[in-house]
Amino acid sequence: MSMIKRITSSPMFTPLLVLGLILLFNFFFQRGFLTIVIEGGVLRGGLINTLNRSVPVMLLAMGMTLVIATGGVDLSVGSVLAIGSAVAITLIRGDDASPTADTAMALGLVVIITMAVGIICGLWNGFLVARIGIPPIVATLIFMVAGRGLTQNITRERSVTTGHLPFSEIANGSLLGIPNQIWIAAVILLLFWFFTRKTAFGLFIESVGSNRSAARYAGIKASKILIVIYALSGLCASIAGILSASNVRVIEPMNTGRDMELDAILAVVLGGTNMRGGKFNLGGSCVGAVILMALTQTMMFYGVNPESAMWVKAIVIVIIILIQSPDTRKHITSLFKAMSPKKQEVSAE
């Protein structure tokens, strides 16, 4: 019983349970969903596709988790993703009027510059929040709007494509039979986990999110922590932008990354991180991203139209959040406790 209690009290229990139920549903009603085969040396199957397609939201959710843990929110990650996609494709194309298989700049340099641009975007958000004192929702909303305009300026208000095949391999290639995107997400999660759980950095984040004044009195420089956190969120968004552009080899200024900030926030909430700040769960946020993609793909499989899919998805998410709520769990526990004496009286009679 103690082991069961320990498992059910784990922050990963509810997200993994929900994901397991969704996958179990697809297993029974989608023939061969959990079947994994090797085609061309690469693992293929419904489960692999779901995991692979959830990577961009997963990356955004990792950065968003740290931001929310400090009591803030980053509404600009969708726009930063679009900026990252635009910068990457523009640097690769150079002055070419049409997409070619050549690149105007070394691919490694393109990736580094794009990531640097994402960090700069995050630093700007962090500066507005930490130094100027603008509320996070307002500061990031400003860049959410401005970022779309910047993306249009970079692409000259048109869709831009690239035919550079090595760039496409970043997202569409594989290593040891596993898609590159999954490897990238796993490495970034491992790095984030190490720096937040094996160093004092994670404790500083939780301290700032729980009580910023107390953290300041304890000697923690909250403003520096916030600036670093928003920079990391921008970095994650730029990497997601590189993968998005690499996957489809096109950037649409007004559509790329649109509303993905909402999916990232939902993934964080589904993963069990409190929106008020404090303790956070990076692994849960990644599982939350997979839950969202699994829900989306399930509804697509059954031909649910996009309009209906949105409210069905919303209802399922509300149910999951209610299940995760401590008040709901306390209520369920109290019901069981109220029923247990009656059972004992019946057995005694």
Protein backbone atom coordinates (compact mmCIF):
# COMPACT_ATOMS: atom_id res chain seq x y z
CA MET A 1 0.00 0.00 0.00
CA SER A 2 2.84 2.39 0.80
CA MET A 3 4.35 1.77 -2.63
CA ILE A 4 0.99 2.40 -4.33
CA LYS A 5 0.59 5.61 -2.36
CA ARG A 6 4.10 6.68 -3.35
CA ILE A 7 3.37 6.01 -7.02
CA THR A 8 0.01 7.79 -7.05
CA SER A 9 1.45 10.81 -5.24
CA SER A 10 4.19 11.22 -7.85
CA PRO A 11 3.76 14.35 -10.04
CA MET A 12 4.24 12.14 -13.11
CA PHE A 13 1.44 9.73 -12.19
CA THR A 14 -1.55 11.66 -13.55
CA PRO A 15 0.05 12.79 -16.86
CA LEU A 16 1.32 9.28 -17.59
CA LEU A 17 -2.05 7.76 -16.61
CA VAL A 18 -3.93 10.09 -18.96
CA LEU A 19 -1.46 9.42 -21.79
CA GLY A 20 -1.74 5.70 -21.17
CA LEU A 21 -5.55 5.83 -21.38
CA ILE A 22 -5.41 7.73 -24.68
CA LEU A 23 -2.90 5.27 -26.13
CA LEU A 24 -4.98 2.34 -24.85
CA PHE A 25 -8.07 3.78 -26.56
CA ASN A 26 -6.15 4.09 -29.85
CA PHE A 27 -4.79 0.57 -29.41
CA PHE A 28 -8.32 -0.87 -29.35
CA PHE A 29 -9.90 1.36 -31.98
CA GLN A 30 -7.01 2.11 -34.36
CA ARG A 31 -5.67 -1.06 -35.87
CA GLY A 32 -1.90 -1.33 -35.55
CA PHE A 33 -1.52 1.99 -33.69
CA LEU A 34 1.09 0.66 -31.26
CA THR A 35 2.81 -1.44 -33.92
CA ILE A 36 6.36 -0.26 -34.55
CA VAL A 37 8.11 -1.36 -37.74
CA ILE A 38 11.46 -0.54 -39.34
CA GLU A 39 11.24 1.06 -42.78
CA GLY A 40 14.41 2.20 -44.46
CA GLY A 41 16.30 1.79 -41.20
CA VAL A 42 13.94 4.14 -39.33
CA LEU A 43 11.31 3.26 -36.73
CA ARG A 44 7.77 3.91 -37.98
CA GLY A 45 4.36 3.63 -36.37
CA GLY A 46 1.55 5.59 -34.77
CA LEU A 47 3.33 5.92 -31.44
CA ILE A 48 6.58 7.13 -33.05
CA ASN A 49 4.68 9.62 -35.23
CA THR A 50 2.83 11.01 -32.20
CA LEU A 51 6.05 11.45 -30.26
CA ASN A 52 7.90 12.96 -33.22
CA ARG A 53 5.17 15.49 -34.06
CA SER A 54 4.90 16.63 -30.45
CA VAL A 55 8.55 17.73 -30.31
CA PRO A 56 8.06 21.44 -31.26
CA VAL A 57 5.40 21.92 -28.57
CA MET A 58 7.56 19.87 -26.20
CA LEU A 59 10.48 22.29 -26.69
CA LEU A 60 8.24 25.31 -26.16
CA ALA A 61 6.79 23.65 -23.05
CA MET A 62 10.25 23.12 -21.52
CA GLY A 63 11.05 26.82 -21.69
CA MET A 64 7.51 27.74 -20.65
CA THR A 65 7.77 25.46 -17.60
CA LEU A 66 10.67 27.45 -16.21
CA VAL A 67 8.93 30.76 -16.94
CA ILE A 68 5.71 29.64 -15.23
CA ALA A 69 7.74 28.29 -12.30
CA THR A 70 8.89 31.88 -11.66
CA GLY A 71 5.25 33.04 -11.59
CA GLY A 72 5.28 34.43 -15.14
CA VAL A 73 4.16 33.41 -18.61
CA ASP A 74 5.66 33.77 -22.09
CA LEU A 75 3.07 34.52 -24.76
CA SER A 76 5.73 35.32 -27.35
CA VAL A 77 7.13 31.82 -27.95
CA GLY A 78 4.98 31.26 -31.05
CA SER A 79 6.28 34.48 -32.58
CA VAL A 80 9.89 33.68 -31.59
CA LEU A 81 9.45 30.27 -33.24
CA ALA A 82 8.34 32.06 -36.43
CA ILE A 83 11.31 34.44 -36.21
CA GLY A 84 13.66 31.47 -35.81
CA SER A 85 12.17 29.76 -38.87
CA ALA A 86 12.42 32.97 -40.91
CA VAL A 87 16.03 33.65 -39.90
CA ALA A 88 17.13 30.07 -40.63
CA ILE A 89 15.57 29.88 -44.09
CA THR A 90 16.64 33.42 -45.03
CA LEU A 91 20.27 32.74 -44.07
CA ILE A 92 20.27 29.49 -46.03
CA ARG A 93 18.78 31.08 -49.15
CA GLY A 94 20.87 34.24 -49.08
CA ASP A 95 20.04 36.32 -52.15
CA ASP A 96 18.69 33.38 -54.17
CA ALA A 97 15.45 34.27 -55.86
CA SER A 98 14.29 30.64 -55.82
CA PRO A 99 14.91 27.70 -53.49
CA THR A 100 17.98 25.64 -54.40
CA ALA A 101 19.87 22.69 -53.01
CA ASP A 102 22.80 24.99 -52.18
CA THR A 103 23.25 27.10 -49.08
CA ALA A 104 24.52 30.67 -48.83
CA MET A 105 25.98 30.00 -45.36
CA ALA A 106 27.40 27.02 -43.50
CA LEU A 107 24.56 25.04 -41.92
CA GLY A 108 26.19 24.97 -38.47
CA LEU A 109 26.57 28.76 -38.52
CA VAL A 110 22.92 29.14 -39.55
CA VAL A 111 21.83 27.08 -36.54
CA ILE A 112 24.08 29.04 -34.14
CA ILE A 113 22.88 32.44 -35.40
CA THR A 114 19.23 31.37 -35.23
CA MET A 115 19.64 30.16 -31.65
CA ALA A 116 21.40 33.42 -30.76
CA VAL A 117 18.47 35.39 -32.19
CA GLY A 118 16.08 33.36 -30.00
CA ILE A 119 18.19 34.10 -26.93
CA ILE A 120 18.19 37.83 -27.76
CA CYS A 121 14.39 37.79 -28.05
CA GLY A 122 14.17 36.09 -24.66
CA LEU A 123 16.64 38.56 -23.12
CA TRP A 124 14.43 41.42 -24.29
CA ASN A 125 11.40 39.86 -22.59
CA GLY A 126 13.44 39.23 -19.46
CA PHE A 127 14.68 42.82 -19.45
CA LEU A 128 11.14 44.18 -19.65
CA VAL A 129 9.96 41.90 -16.84
CA ALA A 130 12.96 42.00 -14.49
CA ARG A 131 14.38 45.48 -15.01
CA ILE A 132 11.50 47.62 -16.22
CA GLY A 133 8.93 45.85 -14.04
CA ILE A 134 6.31 45.21 -16.76
CA PRO A 135 4.03 42.26 -15.87
CA PRO A 136 5.10 39.12 -17.80
CA ILE A 137 1.77 38.72 -19.59
CA VAL A 138 2.00 42.31 -20.91
CA ALA A 139 5.71 42.25 -21.76
CA THR A 140 5.49 38.99 -23.71
CA LEU A 141 2.21 40.03 -25.35
CA ILE A 142 4.03 43.07 -26.72
CA PHE A 143 6.67 40.87 -28.32
CA MET A 144 4.04 38.38 -29.45
CA VAL A 145 2.63 41.14 -31.68
CA ALA A 146 5.95 42.78 -32.55
CA GLY A 147 7.50 39.41 -33.35
CA ARG A 148 4.97 38.75 -36.09
CA GLY A 149 5.81 42.11 -37.64
CA LEU A 150 9.52 41.32 -37.42
CA THR A 151 8.93 37.96 -39.11
CA GLN A 152 7.14 39.72 -41.97
CA ASN A 153 10.04 42.14 -42.31
CA ILE A 154 12.56 39.30 -42.48
CA THR A 155 10.56 37.41 -45.12
CA ARG A 156 9.40 40.60 -46.90
CA GLU A 157 5.77 39.69 -46.19
CA ARG A 158 5.77 36.49 -48.24
CA SER A 159 6.16 32.78 -47.76
CA VAL A 160 9.76 31.65 -48.19
CA THR A 161 10.90 28.14 -49.06
CA THR A 162 14.23 26.34 -49.27
CA GLY A 163 15.38 23.30 -51.19
CA HIS A 164 18.50 22.71 -49.08
CA LEU A 165 18.37 18.99 -48.32
CA PRO A 166 20.92 18.88 -45.44
CA PHE A 167 18.81 21.49 -43.64
CA SER A 168 15.77 19.26 -44.12
CA GLU A 169 17.68 16.35 -42.57
CA ILE A 170 17.82 18.19 -39.21
CA ALA A 171 14.14 17.37 -38.57
CA ASN A 172 13.49 14.60 -41.07
CA GLY A 173 16.65 12.56 -40.63
CA SER A 174 17.31 9.82 -38.09
CA LEU A 175 20.04 8.40 -35.88
CA LEU A 176 20.12 4.73 -34.89
CA GLY A 177 16.64 4.35 -36.35
CA ILE A 178 15.12 7.08 -34.15
CA PRO A 179 14.01 10.41 -35.73
CA ASN A 180 16.39 13.31 -35.08
CA GLN A 181 13.66 15.44 -33.51
CA ILE A 182 13.18 12.92 -30.70
CA TRP A 183 16.93 12.87 -30.05
CA ILE A 184 17.07 16.67 -29.94
CA ALA A 185 14.15 16.87 -27.49
CA ALA A 186 15.70 14.16 -25.30
CA VAL A 187 19.10 15.92 -25.16
CA ILE A 188 17.54 19.29 -24.28
CA LEU A 189 15.33 17.69 -21.61
CA LEU A 190 18.38 15.96 -20.14
CA LEU A 191 20.34 19.25 -20.05
CA PHE A 192 17.44 21.14 -18.47
CA TRP A 193 16.95 18.37 -15.92
CA PHE A 194 20.64 18.38 -14.99
CA PHE A 195 20.86 22.16 -14.47
CA THR A 196 17.58 22.39 -12.57
CA ARG A 197 17.86 19.26 -10.42
CA LYS A 198 21.59 18.68 -9.99
CA THR A 199 22.54 22.31 -9.35
CA ALA A 200 21.12 25.11 -7.18
CA PHE A 201 19.60 26.74 -10.26
CA GLY A 202 16.32 24.83 -9.94
CA LEU A 203 16.01 25.79 -6.28
CA PHE A 204 16.56 29.45 -7.19
CA ILE A 205 13.78 29.23 -9.80
CA GLU A 206 11.33 27.71 -7.33
CA SER A 207 12.29 30.26 -4.67
CA VAL A 208 11.65 33.19 -7.02
CA GLY A 209 8.32 31.70 -8.08
CA SER A 210 7.17 30.90 -4.54
CA ASN A 211 8.09 34.21 -2.91
CA ARG A 212 10.21 36.73 -4.80
CA SER A 213 10.65 39.03 -1.80
CA ALA A 214 11.81 36.20 0.45
CA ALA A 215 14.17 35.00 -2.28
CA ARG A 216 15.67 38.48 -2.53
CA TYR A 217 16.19 38.65 1.24
CA ALA A 218 17.86 35.24 1.05
CA GLY A 219 20.44 36.70 -1.31
CA ILE A 220 19.01 35.32 -4.58
CA LYS A 221 19.24 37.85 -7.40
CA ALA A 222 15.69 37.38 -8.73
CA SER A 223 16.14 39.78 -11.66
CA LYS A 224 19.11 37.81 -13.02
CA ILE A 225 17.24 34.53 -12.63
CA LEU A 226 14.26 35.94 -14.55
CA ILE A 227 16.44 37.24 -17.38
CA VAL A 228 18.16 33.85 -17.74
CA ILE A 229 14.82 32.02 -17.68
CA TYR A 230 13.27 34.14 -20.43
CA ALA A 231 16.48 33.76 -22.47
CA LEU A 232 16.16 29.96 -22.16
CA SER A 233 12.52 30.18 -23.25
CA GLY A 234 13.62 32.14 -26.33
CA LEU A 235 16.33 29.57 -27.02
CA CYS A 236 13.81 26.70 -26.89
CA ALA A 237 11.47 28.61 -29.22
CA SER A 238 14.26 29.25 -31.75
CA ILE A 239 15.24 25.55 -31.76
CA ALA A 240 11.57 24.67 -32.31
CA GLY A 241 11.60 27.21 -35.17
CA ILE A 242 14.61 25.52 -36.78
CA LEU A 243 12.88 22.12 -36.56
CA SER A 244 9.62 23.54 -37.93
CA ALA A 245 11.37 25.15 -40.91
CA SER A 246 13.49 22.04 -41.47
CA ASN A 247 10.43 19.78 -41.41
CA VAL A 248 8.32 21.62 -44.01
CA ARG A 249 11.06 23.78 -45.61
CA VAL A 250 8.80 26.81 -45.69
CA ILE A 251 8.03 29.79 -43.47
CA GLU A 252 4.61 31.47 -43.57
CA PRO A 253 4.98 34.71 -41.56
CA MET A 254 1.42 34.82 -40.21
CA ASN A 255 0.83 31.09 -39.72
CA THR A 256 4.07 29.46 -38.61
CA GLY A 257 3.95 28.99 -34.83
CA ARG A 258 0.49 30.51 -34.58
CA ASP A 259 -1.29 29.71 -31.26
CA MET A 260 1.54 27.36 -30.26
CA GLU A 261 2.10 29.41 -27.12
CA LEU A 262 -1.33 28.25 -25.95
CA ASP A 263 -0.45 24.60 -26.59
CA ALA A 264 2.79 25.10 -24.66
CA ILE A 265 0.93 26.56 -21.67
CA LEU A 266 -1.61 23.72 -21.78
CA ALA A 267 1.19 21.14 -21.91
CA VAL A 268 2.77 22.70 -18.81
CA VAL A 269 -0.55 22.69 -16.94
CA LEU A 270 -1.31 19.12 -18.00
CA GLY A 271 2.16 18.17 -16.76
CA GLY A 272 1.27 19.31 -13.25
CA THR A 273 3.17 22.60 -12.94
CA ASN A 274 1.29 25.19 -10.88
CA MET A 275 0.47 28.38 -12.79
CA ARG A 276 1.07 30.38 -9.61
CA GLY A 277 4.75 29.48 -9.67
CA GLY A 278 7.01 27.45 -7.43
CA LYS A 279 7.57 23.74 -8.02
CA PHE A 280 7.74 22.59 -11.62
CA ASN A 281 7.81 19.32 -13.55
CA LEU A 282 9.79 19.31 -16.81
CA GLY A 283 9.05 15.66 -17.57
CA GLY A 284 5.34 16.22 -16.95
CA SER A 285 5.34 19.14 -19.42
CA CYS A 286 6.86 16.91 -22.10
CA VAL A 287 4.22 14.25 -21.41
CA GLY A 288 1.58 17.02 -21.60
CA ALA A 289 2.81 17.91 -25.09
CA VAL A 290 2.49 14.27 -26.17
CA ILE A 291 -1.04 14.16 -24.68
CA LEU A 292 -2.08 17.17 -26.77
CA MET A 293 -0.67 15.64 -29.96
CA ALA A 294 -2.26 12.25 -29.19
CA LEU A 295 -5.64 13.94 -28.69
CA THR A 296 -5.26 15.88 -31.94
CA GLN A 297 -4.27 12.83 -33.96
CA THR A 298 -7.07 10.74 -32.46
CA MET A 299 -9.68 13.28 -33.50
CA MET A 300 -8.12 13.60 -36.96
CA PHE A 301 -8.28 9.82 -37.36
CA TYR A 302 -12.03 9.83 -36.65
CA GLY A 303 -12.64 12.72 -39.03
CA VAL A 304 -13.63 15.27 -36.39
CA ASN A 305 -13.73 18.67 -38.11
CA PRO A 306 -11.33 21.34 -36.75
CA GLU A 307 -14.15 23.41 -35.23
CA SER A 308 -15.57 20.50 -33.25
CA ALA A 309 -12.09 19.21 -32.39
CA MET A 310 -11.32 22.44 -30.54
CA TRP A 311 -14.18 22.17 -28.05
CA VAL A 312 -13.80 18.39 -27.66
CA LYS A 313 -10.13 18.97 -26.89
CA ALA A 314 -11.08 21.72 -24.42
CA ILE A 315 -13.52 19.45 -22.56
CA VAL A 316 -10.95 16.65 -22.27
CA ILE A 317 -8.32 19.11 -20.99
CA VAL A 318 -10.73 20.53 -18.38
CA ILE A 319 -11.47 16.99 -17.14
CA ILE A 320 -7.73 16.22 -16.89
CA ILE A 321 -7.04 19.45 -14.98
CA LEU A 322 -9.91 18.71 -12.59
CA ILE A 323 -8.49 15.26 -11.94
CA GLN A 324 -5.09 16.80 -11.20
CA SER A 325 -6.55 19.38 -8.82
CA PRO A 326 -5.58 18.80 -5.15
CA ASP A 327 -9.11 19.88 -4.11
CA THR A 328 -10.64 17.20 -6.34
CA ARG A 329 -8.32 14.56 -4.91
CA LYS A 330 -9.15 15.63 -1.35
CA HIS A 331 -12.86 15.43 -2.15
CA ILE A 332 -12.51 11.92 -3.59
CA THR A 333 -10.42 10.86 -0.58
CA SER A 334 -13.01 12.24 1.84
CA LEU A 335 -15.76 10.31 0.03
CA PHE A 336 -13.84 7.05 0.46
CA LYS A 337 -13.21 7.84 4.10
CA ALA A 338 -16.89 8.59 4.64
CA MET A 339 -17.84 5.26 3.06
CA SER A 340 -15.32 3.13 4.97
CA PRO A 341 -17.01 3.22 8.45
CA LYS A 342 -20.29 2.10 6.91
CA LYS A 343 -18.55 -0.87 5.34
CA GLN A 344 -17.03 -1.82 8.69
CA GLU A 345 -20.44 -1.66 10.41
CA VAL A 346 -21.99 -3.88 7.74
CA SER A 347 -19.18 -6.44 8.06
CA ALA A 348 -19.50 -6.43 11.89
CA GLU A 349 -23.24 -7.15 11.68
